[in-house]
């Protein structure tokens, strides 16, 4: 299937590892011109070296939560490419709390997992509107409160904001969707949440109907499709990629 992505300009945040890296690689393989953003430049350089010959991605070493970051990111992408067709809002992190969580922890979680990505999207939307095409894909996380995790609330906030945004921007040719991953191999899962093979196998056997923890590409292929012109009628959706882990039907 030709996803019609050749020559589209895509920005992926949190592209140095895990899901962001896999999505960036998938988009580049489909012919997108890439801007990849993270704080760890050596990892961005390693990703760039693995992209198709002649890709020449724009590397943006940036803390996306810093004051003025959204405008600097916008200016870098538009300055290099003249437009931005696709935004993958991937950067973020889980924030489990051993108690109720401090006010600072809750504020940091909201900044990292909601406001920073929202600001980048808002900064880029005028360029998408001018082009008559845009795809915003938010990589979020669960909003089911299994425990006290300060990231759950901003995940829900992203889903609500994205739905509202999709209704505002639909006639501009811009779609907005969210993908909450389940347990997928990444730095966060493999180093912090389930750091041993035994823990991963036990969790998968108990919680995942397909019986295994997913790979980053399992989600990247969906994000790439949603970024394509073929996904024009899919907007305002929250699509879980979790091997069937989530127990709710909607």
Protein backbone atom coordinates (compact mmCIF):
# COMPACT_ATOMS: atom_id res chain seq x y z
CA UNK A 1 0.00 0.00 0.00
CA UNK A 2 1.32 3.41 -0.97
CA UNK A 3 0.73 5.71 2.01
CA UNK A 4 1.35 8.80 -0.16
CA UNK A 5 3.85 10.20 2.34
CA UNK A 6 6.70 10.87 -0.06
CA UNK A 7 7.98 14.39 0.51
CA UNK A 8 5.75 15.17 3.50
CA UNK A 9 7.49 16.98 6.36
CA UNK A 10 7.23 15.29 9.75
CA UNK A 11 8.33 16.39 13.22
CA UNK A 12 8.72 13.69 15.87
CA UNK A 13 9.36 14.70 19.48
CA UNK A 14 11.11 12.33 21.86
CA UNK A 15 12.72 10.72 18.82
CA UNK A 16 15.93 9.53 20.44
CA UNK A 17 14.64 6.17 21.67
CA UNK A 18 11.69 3.83 21.98
CA UNK A 19 8.40 4.70 20.31
CA UNK A 20 9.56 8.05 18.95
CA UNK A 21 12.60 6.48 17.33
CA UNK A 22 10.51 3.72 15.75
CA UNK A 23 7.93 6.19 14.42
CA UNK A 24 10.61 8.47 12.99
CA UNK A 25 12.28 5.52 11.27
CA UNK A 26 8.97 4.36 9.80
CA UNK A 27 8.07 7.81 8.47
CA UNK A 28 11.54 8.23 6.96
CA UNK A 29 11.22 4.84 5.26
CA UNK A 30 7.96 6.07 3.68
CA UNK A 31 9.77 9.06 2.19
CA UNK A 32 9.01 11.80 4.72
CA UNK A 33 11.43 14.64 5.23
CA UNK A 34 12.21 14.46 8.92
CA UNK A 35 12.74 16.76 11.88
CA UNK A 36 13.66 14.75 14.95
CA UNK A 37 13.71 16.27 18.42
CA UNK A 38 15.15 15.13 21.75
CA UNK A 39 17.61 16.22 24.41
CA UNK A 40 20.26 13.57 23.63
CA UNK A 41 21.98 14.61 20.42
CA UNK A 42 24.21 11.51 20.09
CA UNK A 43 21.09 9.35 19.91
CA UNK A 44 19.54 11.65 17.32
CA UNK A 45 22.72 11.41 15.26
CA UNK A 46 22.62 7.61 15.49
CA UNK A 47 19.01 7.59 14.29
CA UNK A 48 19.83 9.97 11.43
CA UNK A 49 22.66 7.68 10.32
CA UNK A 50 20.20 4.79 9.96
CA UNK A 51 17.71 6.70 7.80
CA UNK A 52 17.59 6.20 4.02
CA UNK A 53 20.45 7.68 2.05
CA UNK A 54 19.89 11.34 1.30
CA UNK A 55 17.28 11.80 4.06
CA UNK A 56 19.32 14.54 5.81
CA UNK A 57 16.95 15.01 8.76
CA UNK A 58 16.85 18.17 10.83
CA UNK A 59 18.17 17.41 14.30
CA UNK A 60 16.69 19.55 17.08
CA UNK A 61 18.40 19.19 20.45
CA UNK A 62 15.87 20.80 22.76
CA UNK A 63 14.15 20.45 26.11
CA UNK A 64 10.62 20.81 24.79
CA UNK A 65 9.33 22.06 28.16
CA UNK A 66 11.71 25.05 28.27
CA UNK A 67 10.22 28.55 28.00
CA UNK A 68 9.83 29.52 24.34
CA UNK A 69 10.64 25.99 23.15
CA UNK A 70 7.50 25.63 21.00
CA UNK A 71 8.31 28.77 19.03
CA UNK A 72 11.98 27.77 18.58
CA UNK A 73 10.93 24.32 17.38
CA UNK A 74 8.38 25.80 14.95
CA UNK A 75 10.92 28.27 13.58
CA UNK A 76 13.54 25.54 13.11
CA UNK A 77 11.18 23.26 11.19
CA UNK A 78 9.60 25.98 9.04
CA UNK A 79 12.97 27.60 8.48
CA UNK A 80 14.39 24.38 7.08
CA UNK A 81 11.41 22.96 5.20
CA UNK A 82 8.94 25.83 4.78
CA UNK A 83 6.11 23.76 6.21
CA UNK A 84 5.22 20.99 8.66
CA UNK A 85 2.67 18.43 7.53
CA UNK A 86 2.89 15.96 10.42
CA UNK A 87 3.44 16.37 14.16
CA UNK A 88 4.04 13.29 16.29
CA UNK A 89 3.72 14.43 19.91
CA UNK A 90 5.60 11.54 21.50
CA UNK A 91 7.75 13.03 24.27
CA UNK A 92 6.47 12.38 27.78
CA UNK A 93 6.91 10.06 30.72
CA UNK A 94 5.09 8.09 33.37
CA UNK A 95 4.93 9.60 36.85
CA UNK A 96 3.99 6.89 39.42
CA UNK A 97 3.69 8.17 42.99
CA UNK A 98 4.44 6.21 46.15
CA UNK A 99 2.01 8.41 48.09
CA UNK A 100 -0.46 11.08 46.97
CA UNK A 101 2.23 13.00 45.11
CA UNK A 102 3.47 16.51 45.74
CA UNK A 103 1.98 19.52 44.04
CA UNK A 104 5.27 19.90 42.16
CA UNK A 105 5.07 16.33 40.85
CA UNK A 106 1.54 16.86 39.55
CA UNK A 107 2.46 20.17 37.92
CA UNK A 108 5.56 18.66 36.27
CA UNK A 109 3.50 15.76 34.92
CA UNK A 110 0.95 18.12 33.41
CA UNK A 111 3.69 20.25 31.84
CA UNK A 112 5.57 17.30 30.32
CA UNK A 113 2.61 15.20 29.24
CA UNK A 114 0.10 17.87 28.22
CA UNK A 115 1.13 21.50 27.97
CA UNK A 116 4.47 21.11 26.14
CA UNK A 117 3.00 19.05 23.31
CA UNK A 118 -0.09 21.26 23.15
CA UNK A 119 2.10 24.33 22.72
CA UNK A 120 4.04 22.76 19.85
CA UNK A 121 0.80 21.78 18.12
CA UNK A 122 -0.67 25.25 18.56
CA UNK A 123 2.53 26.80 17.19
CA UNK A 124 2.43 24.64 14.05
CA UNK A 125 -1.31 24.68 13.31
CA UNK A 126 -1.30 27.99 11.36
CA UNK A 127 1.24 26.55 8.90
CA UNK A 128 -0.89 23.40 8.53
CA UNK A 129 -3.98 25.50 7.94
CA UNK A 130 -2.19 27.52 5.28
CA UNK A 131 -1.17 24.30 3.52
CA UNK A 132 -4.63 22.72 3.83
CA UNK A 133 -3.11 19.57 5.29
CA UNK A 134 -2.04 18.45 8.74
CA UNK A 135 -1.74 15.36 10.88
CA UNK A 136 -1.32 15.56 14.65
CA UNK A 137 -0.77 12.23 16.40
CA UNK A 138 -0.37 12.22 20.18
CA UNK A 139 1.34 9.25 21.82
CA UNK A 140 -0.22 9.30 25.28
CA UNK A 141 -0.77 6.55 27.84
CA UNK A 142 -3.43 4.93 29.92
CA UNK A 143 -5.99 7.04 31.71
CA UNK A 144 -7.31 4.11 33.75
CA UNK A 145 -6.32 4.86 37.37
CA UNK A 146 -4.81 1.56 38.53
CA UNK A 147 -2.69 3.50 41.03
CA UNK A 148 -1.61 7.06 41.75
CA UNK A 149 0.24 8.12 38.63
CA UNK A 150 0.49 11.82 37.90
CA UNK A 151 0.65 11.09 34.16
CA UNK A 152 -2.88 9.63 34.05
CA UNK A 153 -4.61 13.00 34.37
CA UNK A 154 -2.62 14.69 31.57
CA UNK A 155 -3.19 11.65 29.35
CA UNK A 156 -6.92 12.20 29.77
CA UNK A 157 -6.44 15.92 29.20
CA UNK A 158 -4.67 15.24 25.89
CA UNK A 159 -7.52 12.99 24.74
CA UNK A 160 -10.13 15.65 25.51
CA UNK A 161 -8.06 18.50 24.02
CA UNK A 162 -7.35 16.44 20.88
CA UNK A 163 -11.03 15.68 20.42
CA UNK A 164 -11.94 19.36 20.70
CA UNK A 165 -9.10 20.31 18.36
CA UNK A 166 -10.21 17.76 15.79
CA UNK A 167 -13.64 19.35 15.63
CA UNK A 168 -12.17 22.82 15.19
CA UNK A 169 -9.67 21.82 12.48
CA UNK A 170 -11.48 19.15 10.48
CA UNK A 171 -12.45 21.45 7.60
CA UNK A 172 -8.88 22.70 7.35
CA UNK A 173 -7.71 19.25 6.26
CA UNK A 174 -6.14 18.57 9.64
CA UNK A 175 -6.78 15.42 11.68
CA UNK A 176 -5.94 14.93 15.35
CA UNK A 177 -5.71 11.50 16.97
CA UNK A 178 -4.24 9.90 20.08
CA UNK A 179 -2.57 6.52 20.59
CA UNK A 180 -2.20 5.20 24.13
CA UNK A 181 0.36 2.38 24.14
CA UNK A 182 0.08 -0.60 26.40
CA UNK A 183 3.20 -2.41 27.55
CA UNK A 184 5.63 -1.99 24.65
CA UNK A 185 9.38 -2.54 24.83
CA UNK A 186 11.01 0.84 25.51
CA UNK A 187 13.44 2.44 27.95
CA UNK A 188 10.56 3.18 30.30
CA UNK A 189 9.19 -0.37 30.30
CA UNK A 190 12.45 -2.32 30.07
CA UNK A 191 14.43 -0.26 32.57
CA UNK A 192 11.88 1.10 35.05
CA UNK A 193 8.54 -0.67 35.02
CA UNK A 194 9.37 -4.29 34.10
CA UNK A 195 13.18 -4.44 34.29
CA UNK A 196 13.65 -8.22 34.07
CA UNK A 197 12.67 -10.83 31.49
CA UNK A 198 10.90 -12.78 34.22
CA UNK A 199 8.79 -9.79 35.24
CA UNK A 200 7.89 -9.11 31.62
CA UNK A 201 6.89 -12.70 30.93
CA UNK A 202 4.81 -12.94 34.10
CA UNK A 203 3.01 -9.69 33.37
CA UNK A 204 2.32 -10.60 29.75
CA UNK A 205 0.95 -14.01 30.60
CA UNK A 206 -1.38 -12.51 33.18
CA UNK A 207 -2.48 -9.26 31.53
CA UNK A 208 -2.00 -9.37 27.73
CA UNK A 209 -4.44 -11.50 25.70
CA UNK A 210 -1.97 -11.91 22.83
CA UNK A 211 0.57 -13.23 25.35
CA UNK A 212 3.56 -10.95 24.82
CA UNK A 213 4.81 -7.42 25.25
CA UNK A 214 4.73 -5.43 22.02
CA UNK A 215 7.58 -3.97 20.01
CA UNK A 216 7.83 -0.27 19.19
CA UNK A 217 7.09 -0.91 15.51
CA UNK A 218 3.70 -2.40 16.47
CA UNK A 219 2.64 1.15 17.34
CA UNK A 220 4.78 2.96 14.78
CA UNK A 221 2.92 1.43 11.83
CA UNK A 222 -0.39 2.82 13.13
CA UNK A 223 1.08 6.28 13.77
CA UNK A 224 2.49 6.28 10.24
CA UNK A 225 -0.85 5.35 8.73
CA UNK A 226 -2.66 8.05 10.72
CA UNK A 227 -0.09 10.55 9.42
CA UNK A 228 -0.94 9.69 5.83
CA UNK A 229 -3.48 11.16 3.42
CA UNK A 230 -5.23 7.78 3.42
CA UNK A 231 -6.36 8.36 7.03
CA UNK A 232 -8.29 11.54 6.14
CA UNK A 233 -11.57 10.33 7.69
CA UNK A 234 -10.07 9.22 11.01
CA UNK A 235 -9.95 12.07 13.49
CA UNK A 236 -10.72 12.77 17.12
CA UNK A 237 -10.03 9.14 17.99
CA UNK A 238 -8.22 7.40 20.84
CA UNK A 239 -6.82 4.13 19.49
CA UNK A 240 -5.20 1.75 21.97
CA UNK A 241 -2.23 -0.38 20.92
CA UNK A 242 -1.91 -2.80 23.82
CA UNK A 243 -2.37 -6.39 22.66
CA UNK A 244 -5.90 -6.34 24.07
CA UNK A 245 -4.85 -5.44 27.63
CA UNK A 246 -7.46 -2.77 28.16
CA UNK A 247 -10.66 -4.33 29.50
CA UNK A 248 -13.13 -1.68 28.34
CA UNK A 249 -14.83 -1.99 24.95
CA UNK A 250 -14.80 1.77 24.23
